[in-house]
Amino acid sequence: MLKNQFLSSAPITPVFPNWEKSFVSGTNSPLYKVVHHLTAAPIELITHVNFKDAAEGPPGHIHGGASAGLIDETMGVLVWNQNYPCVTQHLNLHYLKPIPLNMDSYVLTSITSVSVKTVEVKSSIFNAERIPYVQANSVFHLLTPEQYQRFITQCRGSFVKE
């Protein structure tokens, strides 16, 4: 089911500053190969991921930090894509089972609420049969116009969606 949603959705390029340099979705990531797709209704980010051998933690499985980095970044990709410039304020992860290396994996991410200062997001890593391995929720702090300007100035030369 998730694979069909992925195939029928539109591919996107991350729009947050410096994404090209990211160890997660950057073009030279040593840990992952990711492809992001956005669904229209409801708006969800579906990320197909291949964990590279460098992401190994326990023998034959992904390091928990590698899956945490992946979830944090996919959440950021979605909120920035939806024109909410922000940074992670709080990230809560629930590890359900170890993720085997070389498993065909997907991350499903959606925005659950937006307030004046925050965006709340949920995300899960699944296998192709939609069995969950990691579930997470996060609160992102929306940047004020001044914070956004400082942030962008520090990331000069980055691709930024206007």
N, C-alpha and C. Protein backbone atom coordinates (compact mmCIF):
# COMPACT_ATOMS: atom_id res chain seq x y z
N MET A 1 0.83 -1.20 0.00
CA MET A 1 0.00 0.00 0.00
C MET A 1 0.87 1.26 0.00
N LEU A 2 1.81 1.36 0.92
CA LEU A 2 2.66 2.54 1.00
C LEU A 2 3.48 2.70 -0.27
N LYS A 3 3.94 1.59 -0.83
CA LYS A 3 4.73 1.63 -2.06
C LYS A 3 3.89 2.21 -3.20
N ASN A 4 2.60 1.85 -3.27
CA ASN A 4 1.71 2.40 -4.31
C ASN A 4 1.50 3.89 -4.12
N GLN A 5 1.32 4.34 -2.86
CA GLN A 5 1.20 5.77 -2.57
C GLN A 5 2.45 6.50 -3.02
N PHE A 6 3.60 5.92 -2.73
CA PHE A 6 4.87 6.53 -3.11
C PHE A 6 4.95 6.67 -4.63
N LEU A 7 4.62 5.62 -5.33
CA LEU A 7 4.74 5.63 -6.79
C LEU A 7 3.74 6.57 -7.45
N SER A 8 2.60 6.83 -6.79
CA SER A 8 1.59 7.71 -7.38
C SER A 8 1.69 9.15 -6.89
N SER A 9 2.72 9.47 -6.12
CA SER A 9 2.89 10.83 -5.59
C SER A 9 3.99 11.55 -6.37
N ALA A 10 4.11 12.85 -6.11
CA ALA A 10 5.06 13.68 -6.86
C ALA A 10 6.40 13.77 -6.13
N PRO A 11 7.52 13.52 -6.85
CA PRO A 11 8.82 13.67 -6.21
C PRO A 11 9.11 15.13 -5.89
N ILE A 12 9.80 15.37 -4.78
CA ILE A 12 10.17 16.74 -4.41
C ILE A 12 11.65 16.78 -4.05
N THR A 13 12.19 17.97 -4.12
CA THR A 13 13.54 18.24 -3.66
C THR A 13 13.42 19.03 -2.36
N PRO A 14 14.16 18.67 -1.33
CA PRO A 14 14.08 19.44 -0.07
C PRO A 14 14.36 20.92 -0.32
N VAL A 15 13.65 21.78 0.41
CA VAL A 15 13.78 23.22 0.22
C VAL A 15 14.43 23.93 1.40
N PHE A 16 14.79 23.20 2.45
CA PHE A 16 15.41 23.89 3.58
C PHE A 16 16.87 24.20 3.26
N PRO A 17 17.41 25.23 3.89
CA PRO A 17 18.78 25.66 3.59
C PRO A 17 19.81 24.56 3.82
N ASN A 18 20.78 24.53 2.93
CA ASN A 18 21.92 23.60 3.01
C ASN A 18 21.55 22.13 2.88
N TRP A 19 20.39 21.81 2.34
CA TRP A 19 20.00 20.40 2.25
C TRP A 19 21.01 19.58 1.46
N GLU A 20 21.66 20.21 0.49
CA GLU A 20 22.62 19.46 -0.34
C GLU A 20 23.76 18.90 0.50
N LYS A 21 24.08 19.58 1.61
CA LYS A 21 25.19 19.18 2.47
C LYS A 21 24.75 18.21 3.58
N SER A 22 23.47 17.95 3.68
CA SER A 22 22.95 17.11 4.76
C SER A 22 23.51 15.69 4.68
N PHE A 23 23.88 15.16 5.83
CA PHE A 23 24.34 13.77 5.85
C PHE A 23 23.18 12.81 5.65
N VAL A 24 21.94 13.31 5.70
CA VAL A 24 20.78 12.45 5.49
C VAL A 24 20.36 12.45 4.02
N SER A 25 19.86 13.57 3.53
CA SER A 25 19.35 13.57 2.16
C SER A 25 20.26 14.28 1.17
N GLY A 26 21.42 14.70 1.63
CA GLY A 26 22.37 15.32 0.72
C GLY A 26 22.87 14.33 -0.31
N THR A 27 23.37 14.85 -1.40
CA THR A 27 23.77 14.00 -2.52
C THR A 27 24.94 13.08 -2.19
N ASN A 28 25.75 13.41 -1.20
CA ASN A 28 26.89 12.56 -0.85
C ASN A 28 26.72 11.90 0.52
N SER A 29 25.49 11.64 0.92
CA SER A 29 25.25 11.05 2.24
C SER A 29 25.95 9.70 2.38
N PRO A 30 26.73 9.53 3.44
CA PRO A 30 27.38 8.24 3.66
C PRO A 30 26.44 7.19 4.27
N LEU A 31 25.27 7.64 4.77
CA LEU A 31 24.38 6.73 5.49
C LEU A 31 23.14 6.29 4.73
N TYR A 32 22.63 7.15 3.85
CA TYR A 32 21.33 6.88 3.25
C TYR A 32 21.30 7.26 1.77
N LYS A 33 20.37 6.65 1.09
CA LYS A 33 19.94 7.15 -0.22
C LYS A 33 18.44 7.34 -0.06
N VAL A 34 17.98 8.60 -0.18
CA VAL A 34 16.57 8.89 0.04
C VAL A 34 15.96 9.55 -1.19
N VAL A 35 14.67 9.27 -1.36
CA VAL A 35 13.87 9.93 -2.40
C VAL A 35 12.58 10.35 -1.71
N HIS A 36 12.27 11.65 -1.79
CA HIS A 36 11.08 12.20 -1.14
C HIS A 36 9.96 12.39 -2.17
N HIS A 37 8.75 11.98 -1.78
CA HIS A 37 7.56 12.20 -2.60
C HIS A 37 6.49 12.84 -1.72
N LEU A 38 5.71 13.74 -2.31
CA LEU A 38 4.65 14.43 -1.58
C LEU A 38 3.29 14.01 -2.14
N THR A 39 2.38 13.61 -1.25
CA THR A 39 1.02 13.30 -1.67
C THR A 39 0.18 14.57 -1.57
N ALA A 40 -0.90 14.62 -2.34
CA ALA A 40 -1.71 15.83 -2.40
C ALA A 40 -2.80 15.88 -1.33
N ALA A 41 -3.54 14.83 -1.16
CA ALA A 41 -4.65 14.87 -0.22
C ALA A 41 -4.78 13.51 0.46
N PRO A 42 -4.47 13.40 1.72
CA PRO A 42 -3.92 14.46 2.56
C PRO A 42 -2.45 14.71 2.23
N ILE A 43 -1.96 15.88 2.64
CA ILE A 43 -0.56 16.20 2.40
C ILE A 43 0.29 15.36 3.35
N GLU A 44 1.08 14.47 2.74
CA GLU A 44 2.00 13.62 3.50
C GLU A 44 3.29 13.51 2.70
N LEU A 45 4.37 13.35 3.42
CA LEU A 45 5.65 13.09 2.78
C LEU A 45 5.93 11.61 2.91
N ILE A 46 6.20 10.97 1.78
CA ILE A 46 6.59 9.56 1.79
C ILE A 46 8.02 9.53 1.28
N THR A 47 8.91 9.01 2.10
CA THR A 47 10.32 8.96 1.76
C THR A 47 10.74 7.50 1.61
N HIS A 48 11.28 7.17 0.44
CA HIS A 48 11.86 5.84 0.24
C HIS A 48 13.31 5.94 0.64
N VAL A 49 13.77 4.99 1.44
CA VAL A 49 15.16 5.05 1.93
C VAL A 49 15.85 3.71 1.77
N ASN A 50 17.09 3.80 1.34
CA ASN A 50 18.01 2.67 1.37
C ASN A 50 19.11 3.04 2.35
N PHE A 51 19.21 2.29 3.43
CA PHE A 51 20.26 2.54 4.41
C PHE A 51 21.55 1.92 3.88
N LYS A 52 22.60 2.71 3.84
CA LYS A 52 23.90 2.21 3.39
C LYS A 52 24.58 1.48 4.55
N ASP A 53 25.59 0.70 4.24
CA ASP A 53 26.29 -0.09 5.27
C ASP A 53 26.84 0.79 6.40
N ALA A 54 27.18 2.05 6.10
CA ALA A 54 27.73 2.94 7.13
C ALA A 54 26.71 3.28 8.22
N ALA A 55 25.42 3.00 7.98
CA ALA A 55 24.38 3.26 8.98
C ALA A 55 24.23 2.12 9.98
N GLU A 56 25.07 1.10 9.86
CA GLU A 56 24.95 -0.07 10.73
C GLU A 56 25.31 0.26 12.17
N GLY A 57 24.52 -0.26 13.08
CA GLY A 57 24.77 -0.18 14.51
C GLY A 57 24.98 -1.59 15.01
N PRO A 58 23.93 -2.20 15.61
CA PRO A 58 24.06 -3.62 15.97
C PRO A 58 24.28 -4.44 14.68
N PRO A 59 25.03 -5.52 14.75
CA PRO A 59 25.31 -6.27 13.53
C PRO A 59 24.06 -6.57 12.70
N GLY A 60 24.12 -6.16 11.42
CA GLY A 60 23.03 -6.43 10.49
C GLY A 60 21.83 -5.50 10.62
N HIS A 61 21.93 -4.48 11.47
CA HIS A 61 20.79 -3.58 11.71
C HIS A 61 21.25 -2.13 11.70
N ILE A 62 20.28 -1.23 11.56
CA ILE A 62 20.54 0.20 11.51
C ILE A 62 20.76 0.74 12.93
N HIS A 63 21.70 1.66 13.07
CA HIS A 63 21.94 2.35 14.33
C HIS A 63 20.73 3.22 14.65
N GLY A 64 20.33 3.27 15.91
CA GLY A 64 19.18 4.09 16.31
C GLY A 64 19.36 5.56 15.96
N GLY A 65 20.58 6.05 16.04
CA GLY A 65 20.85 7.44 15.68
C GLY A 65 20.65 7.69 14.20
N ALA A 66 20.91 6.68 13.37
CA ALA A 66 20.69 6.83 11.93
C ALA A 66 19.20 6.96 11.63
N SER A 67 18.38 6.16 12.30
CA SER A 67 16.94 6.28 12.08
C SER A 67 16.40 7.57 12.68
N ALA A 68 16.96 8.03 13.81
CA ALA A 68 16.54 9.30 14.40
C ALA A 68 16.87 10.47 13.48
N GLY A 69 18.07 10.47 12.91
CA GLY A 69 18.45 11.53 11.96
C GLY A 69 17.55 11.55 10.75
N LEU A 70 17.21 10.36 10.26
CA LEU A 70 16.33 10.26 9.09
C LEU A 70 14.95 10.83 9.40
N ILE A 71 14.39 10.44 10.54
CA ILE A 71 13.04 10.95 10.90
C ILE A 71 13.07 12.46 11.10
N ASP A 72 14.06 12.97 11.82
CA ASP A 72 14.14 14.41 12.06
C ASP A 72 14.21 15.16 10.73
N GLU A 73 15.01 14.66 9.81
CA GLU A 73 15.14 15.36 8.54
C GLU A 73 13.88 15.26 7.69
N THR A 74 13.23 14.10 7.65
CA THR A 74 12.01 14.01 6.84
C THR A 74 10.93 14.93 7.39
N MET A 75 10.88 15.06 8.71
CA MET A 75 9.93 16.01 9.30
C MET A 75 10.27 17.43 8.85
N GLY A 76 11.54 17.78 8.89
CA GLY A 76 11.97 19.11 8.44
C GLY A 76 11.70 19.34 6.97
N VAL A 77 11.90 18.31 6.15
CA VAL A 77 11.61 18.44 4.71
C VAL A 77 10.14 18.80 4.51
N LEU A 78 9.24 18.12 5.22
CA LEU A 78 7.81 18.39 5.05
C LEU A 78 7.43 19.79 5.53
N VAL A 79 7.86 20.18 6.72
CA VAL A 79 7.42 21.49 7.23
C VAL A 79 7.98 22.64 6.39
N TRP A 80 9.25 22.54 5.97
CA TRP A 80 9.80 23.59 5.10
C TRP A 80 9.09 23.60 3.75
N ASN A 81 8.76 22.43 3.22
CA ASN A 81 8.04 22.35 1.95
C ASN A 81 6.67 23.03 2.04
N GLN A 82 6.07 22.98 3.21
CA GLN A 82 4.75 23.58 3.41
C GLN A 82 4.85 25.04 3.89
N ASN A 83 6.02 25.63 3.69
CA ASN A 83 6.28 27.05 3.99
C ASN A 83 6.20 27.38 5.48
N TYR A 84 6.71 26.47 6.30
CA TYR A 84 6.86 26.70 7.73
C TYR A 84 8.36 26.65 8.05
N PRO A 85 9.07 27.77 7.89
CA PRO A 85 10.49 27.75 8.25
C PRO A 85 10.63 27.56 9.76
N CYS A 86 11.31 26.51 10.16
CA CYS A 86 11.37 26.18 11.58
C CYS A 86 12.57 25.30 11.88
N VAL A 87 12.77 25.05 13.15
CA VAL A 87 13.82 24.16 13.63
C VAL A 87 13.21 23.21 14.67
N THR A 88 13.83 22.05 14.81
CA THR A 88 13.34 21.06 15.77
C THR A 88 13.47 21.60 17.19
N GLN A 89 12.37 21.55 17.92
CA GLN A 89 12.36 21.95 19.32
C GLN A 89 12.35 20.72 20.22
N HIS A 90 11.59 19.71 19.82
CA HIS A 90 11.46 18.50 20.62
C HIS A 90 11.20 17.33 19.68
N LEU A 91 11.89 16.22 19.89
CA LEU A 91 11.72 15.02 19.08
C LEU A 91 11.60 13.82 20.00
N ASN A 92 10.50 13.08 19.88
CA ASN A 92 10.24 11.91 20.70
C ASN A 92 10.17 10.68 19.80
N LEU A 93 11.03 9.70 20.07
CA LEU A 93 11.09 8.48 19.25
C LEU A 93 10.67 7.27 20.06
N HIS A 94 9.98 6.35 19.39
CA HIS A 94 9.62 5.08 20.00
C HIS A 94 10.13 3.99 19.06
N TYR A 95 11.16 3.29 19.50
CA TYR A 95 11.75 2.21 18.69
C TYR A 95 10.96 0.93 18.95
N LEU A 96 10.31 0.43 17.90
CA LEU A 96 9.49 -0.76 18.04
C LEU A 96 10.27 -2.05 17.81
N LYS A 97 11.17 -2.03 16.83
CA LYS A 97 12.03 -3.18 16.53
C LYS A 97 13.21 -2.71 15.71
N PRO A 98 14.32 -3.44 15.76
CA PRO A 98 15.50 -3.05 14.99
C PRO A 98 15.22 -3.11 13.48
N ILE A 99 15.79 -2.15 12.76
CA ILE A 99 15.62 -2.10 11.30
C ILE A 99 16.78 -2.86 10.66
N PRO A 100 16.49 -3.92 9.92
CA PRO A 100 17.56 -4.66 9.26
C PRO A 100 18.22 -3.82 8.16
N LEU A 101 19.53 -4.01 7.99
CA LEU A 101 20.23 -3.40 6.85
C LEU A 101 19.61 -3.93 5.56
N ASN A 102 19.65 -3.11 4.54
CA ASN A 102 19.19 -3.49 3.19
C ASN A 102 17.69 -3.79 3.11
N MET A 103 16.92 -3.34 4.10
CA MET A 103 15.47 -3.51 4.04
C MET A 103 14.89 -2.35 3.23
N ASP A 104 13.95 -2.66 2.34
CA ASP A 104 13.24 -1.64 1.59
C ASP A 104 12.38 -0.87 2.60
N SER A 105 12.73 0.40 2.87
CA SER A 105 12.09 1.16 3.94
C SER A 105 11.41 2.41 3.42
N TYR A 106 10.38 2.84 4.14
CA TYR A 106 9.65 4.06 3.83
C TYR A 106 9.44 4.83 5.12
N VAL A 107 9.44 6.16 5.01
CA VAL A 107 9.11 7.02 6.14
C VAL A 107 7.86 7.79 5.74
N LEU A 108 6.82 7.70 6.54
CA LEU A 108 5.58 8.42 6.31
C LEU A 108 5.49 9.54 7.33
N THR A 109 5.36 10.78 6.84
CA THR A 109 5.41 11.96 7.71
C THR A 109 4.22 12.86 7.42
N SER A 110 3.61 13.38 8.48
CA SER A 110 2.49 14.31 8.29
C SER A 110 2.48 15.36 9.40
N ILE A 111 1.92 16.51 9.06
CA ILE A 111 1.75 17.60 10.03
C ILE A 111 0.45 17.34 10.77
N THR A 112 0.50 17.39 12.11
CA THR A 112 -0.70 17.14 12.90
C THR A 112 -1.36 18.40 13.42
N SER A 113 -0.58 19.48 13.62
CA SER A 113 -1.18 20.75 14.02
C SER A 113 -0.18 21.89 13.81
N VAL A 114 -0.75 23.09 13.66
CA VAL A 114 0.05 24.30 13.48
C VAL A 114 -0.52 25.35 14.42
N SER A 115 0.38 26.01 15.17
CA SER A 115 -0.04 27.12 16.02
C SER A 115 0.78 28.35 15.65
N VAL A 116 0.65 29.41 16.42
CA VAL A 116 1.37 30.65 16.13
C VAL A 116 2.88 30.44 16.20
N LYS A 117 3.36 29.61 17.10
CA LYS A 117 4.80 29.44 17.30
C LYS A 117 5.34 28.06 16.96
N THR A 118 4.47 27.07 16.77
CA THR A 118 4.97 25.70 16.57
C THR A 118 4.21 24.95 15.48
N VAL A 119 4.87 23.91 14.98
CA VAL A 119 4.26 22.95 14.07
C VAL A 119 4.51 21.57 14.68
N GLU A 120 3.45 20.78 14.83
CA GLU A 120 3.60 19.43 15.36
C GLU A 120 3.53 18.44 14.21
N VAL A 121 4.40 17.43 14.27
CA VAL A 121 4.57 16.49 13.16
C VAL A 121 4.66 15.08 13.72
N LYS A 122 4.17 14.10 12.95
CA LYS A 122 4.36 12.70 13.31
C LYS A 122 4.98 11.98 12.13
N SER A 123 5.70 10.90 12.45
CA SER A 123 6.43 10.18 11.42
C SER A 123 6.63 8.74 11.85
N SER A 124 6.72 7.83 10.88
CA SER A 124 7.00 6.42 11.16
C SER A 124 7.86 5.84 10.06
N ILE A 125 8.74 4.93 10.45
CA ILE A 125 9.51 4.16 9.47
C ILE A 125 8.84 2.79 9.36
N PHE A 126 8.54 2.40 8.11
CA PHE A 126 7.86 1.15 7.81
C PHE A 126 8.68 0.32 6.84
N ASN A 127 8.36 -0.97 6.77
CA ASN A 127 8.89 -1.77 5.68
C ASN A 127 7.87 -1.75 4.54
N ALA A 128 8.13 -2.45 3.46
CA ALA A 128 7.25 -2.44 2.29
C ALA A 128 5.86 -2.99 2.61
N GLU A 129 5.75 -3.83 3.63
CA GLU A 129 4.45 -4.39 4.02
C GLU A 129 3.72 -3.50 5.03
N ARG A 130 4.27 -2.33 5.28
CA ARG A 130 3.74 -1.32 6.21
C ARG A 130 3.79 -1.75 7.67
N ILE A 131 4.75 -2.58 8.00
CA ILE A 131 5.00 -2.94 9.40
C ILE A 131 5.89 -1.86 9.99
N PRO A 132 5.46 -1.21 11.09
CA PRO A 132 6.26 -0.11 11.66
C PRO A 132 7.47 -0.60 12.45
N TYR A 133 8.56 0.16 12.34
CA TYR A 133 9.79 -0.12 13.07
C TYR A 133 10.12 1.00 14.05
N VAL A 134 9.83 2.25 13.66
CA VAL A 134 10.07 3.40 14.53
C VAL A 134 8.89 4.36 14.35
N GLN A 135 8.41 4.91 15.46
CA GLN A 135 7.36 5.94 15.41
C GLN A 135 7.88 7.16 16.16
N ALA A 136 7.49 8.34 15.69
CA ALA A 136 7.98 9.56 16.32
C ALA A 136 6.97 10.68 16.22
N ASN A 137 7.10 11.62 17.14
CA ASN A 137 6.37 12.88 17.03
C ASN A 137 7.33 13.98 17.41
N SER A 138 7.05 15.17 16.91
CA SER A 138 7.98 16.27 17.10
C SER A 138 7.25 17.58 17.17
N VAL A 139 7.87 18.53 17.84
CA VAL A 139 7.42 19.91 17.85
C VAL A 139 8.53 20.73 17.20
N PHE A 140 8.17 21.50 16.18
CA PHE A 140 9.11 22.39 15.51
C PHE A 140 8.79 23.82 15.89
N HIS A 141 9.81 24.59 16.19
CA HIS A 141 9.67 26.00 16.54
C HIS A 141 9.69 26.82 15.24
N LEU A 142 8.62 27.57 15.01
CA LEU A 142 8.58 28.44 13.83
C LEU A 142 9.52 29.62 14.03
N LEU A 143 10.30 29.91 13.02
CA LEU A 143 11.24 31.02 13.09
C LEU A 143 10.49 32.34 12.89
N THR A 144 10.85 33.33 13.69
CA THR A 144 10.32 34.68 13.46
C THR A 144 10.97 35.21 12.18
N PRO A 145 10.43 36.26 11.59
CA PRO A 145 11.08 36.82 10.39
C PRO A 145 12.55 37.18 10.63
N GLU A 146 12.86 37.69 11.81
CA GLU A 146 14.24 38.05 12.12
C GLU A 146 15.12 36.80 12.24
N GLN A 147 14.62 35.77 12.91
CA GLN A 147 15.36 34.52 13.03
C GLN A 147 15.57 33.88 11.66
N TYR A 148 14.52 33.91 10.86
CA TYR A 148 14.61 33.35 9.50
C TYR A 148 15.69 34.06 8.70
N GLN A 149 15.72 35.39 8.77
CA GLN A 149 16.71 36.16 8.02
C GLN A 149 18.13 35.82 8.47
N ARG A 150 18.34 35.72 9.79
CA ARG A 150 19.66 35.33 10.30
C ARG A 150 20.03 33.93 9.85
N PHE A 151 19.08 33.04 9.89
CA PHE A 151 19.28 31.65 9.49
C PHE A 151 19.68 31.58 8.01
N ILE A 152 18.96 32.29 7.17
CA ILE A 152 19.25 32.29 5.73
C ILE A 152 20.60 32.95 5.46
N THR A 153 20.90 34.01 6.17
CA THR A 153 22.19 34.69 5.99
C THR A 153 23.34 33.75 6.32
N GLN A 154 23.17 32.93 7.35
CA GLN A 154 24.20 31.97 7.74
C GLN A 154 24.35 30.85 6.71
N CYS A 155 23.33 30.64 5.92
CA CYS A 155 23.33 29.56 4.92
C CYS A 155 23.51 30.11 3.51
N ARG A 156 24.24 31.20 3.36
CA ARG A 156 24.45 31.81 2.05
C ARG A 156 24.85 30.80 1.00
N GLY A 157 24.28 30.97 -0.18
CA GLY A 157 24.61 30.08 -1.28
C GLY A 157 23.76 28.83 -1.30
N SER A 158 22.85 28.66 -0.34
CA SER A 158 22.01 27.47 -0.31
C SER A 158 20.80 27.67 -1.21
N PHE A 159 20.21 26.56 -1.62
CA PHE A 159 18.96 26.59 -2.37
C PHE A 159 17.85 26.82 -1.35
N VAL A 160 17.09 27.89 -1.50
CA VAL A 160 16.01 28.21 -0.59
C VAL A 160 14.77 28.51 -1.39
N LYS A 161 13.66 27.86 -1.06
CA LYS A 161 12.39 28.11 -1.72
C LYS A 161 11.84 29.45 -1.22
N GLU A 162 11.56 30.35 -2.12
CA GLU A 162 11.00 31.64 -1.74
C GLU A 162 9.50 31.65 -1.87
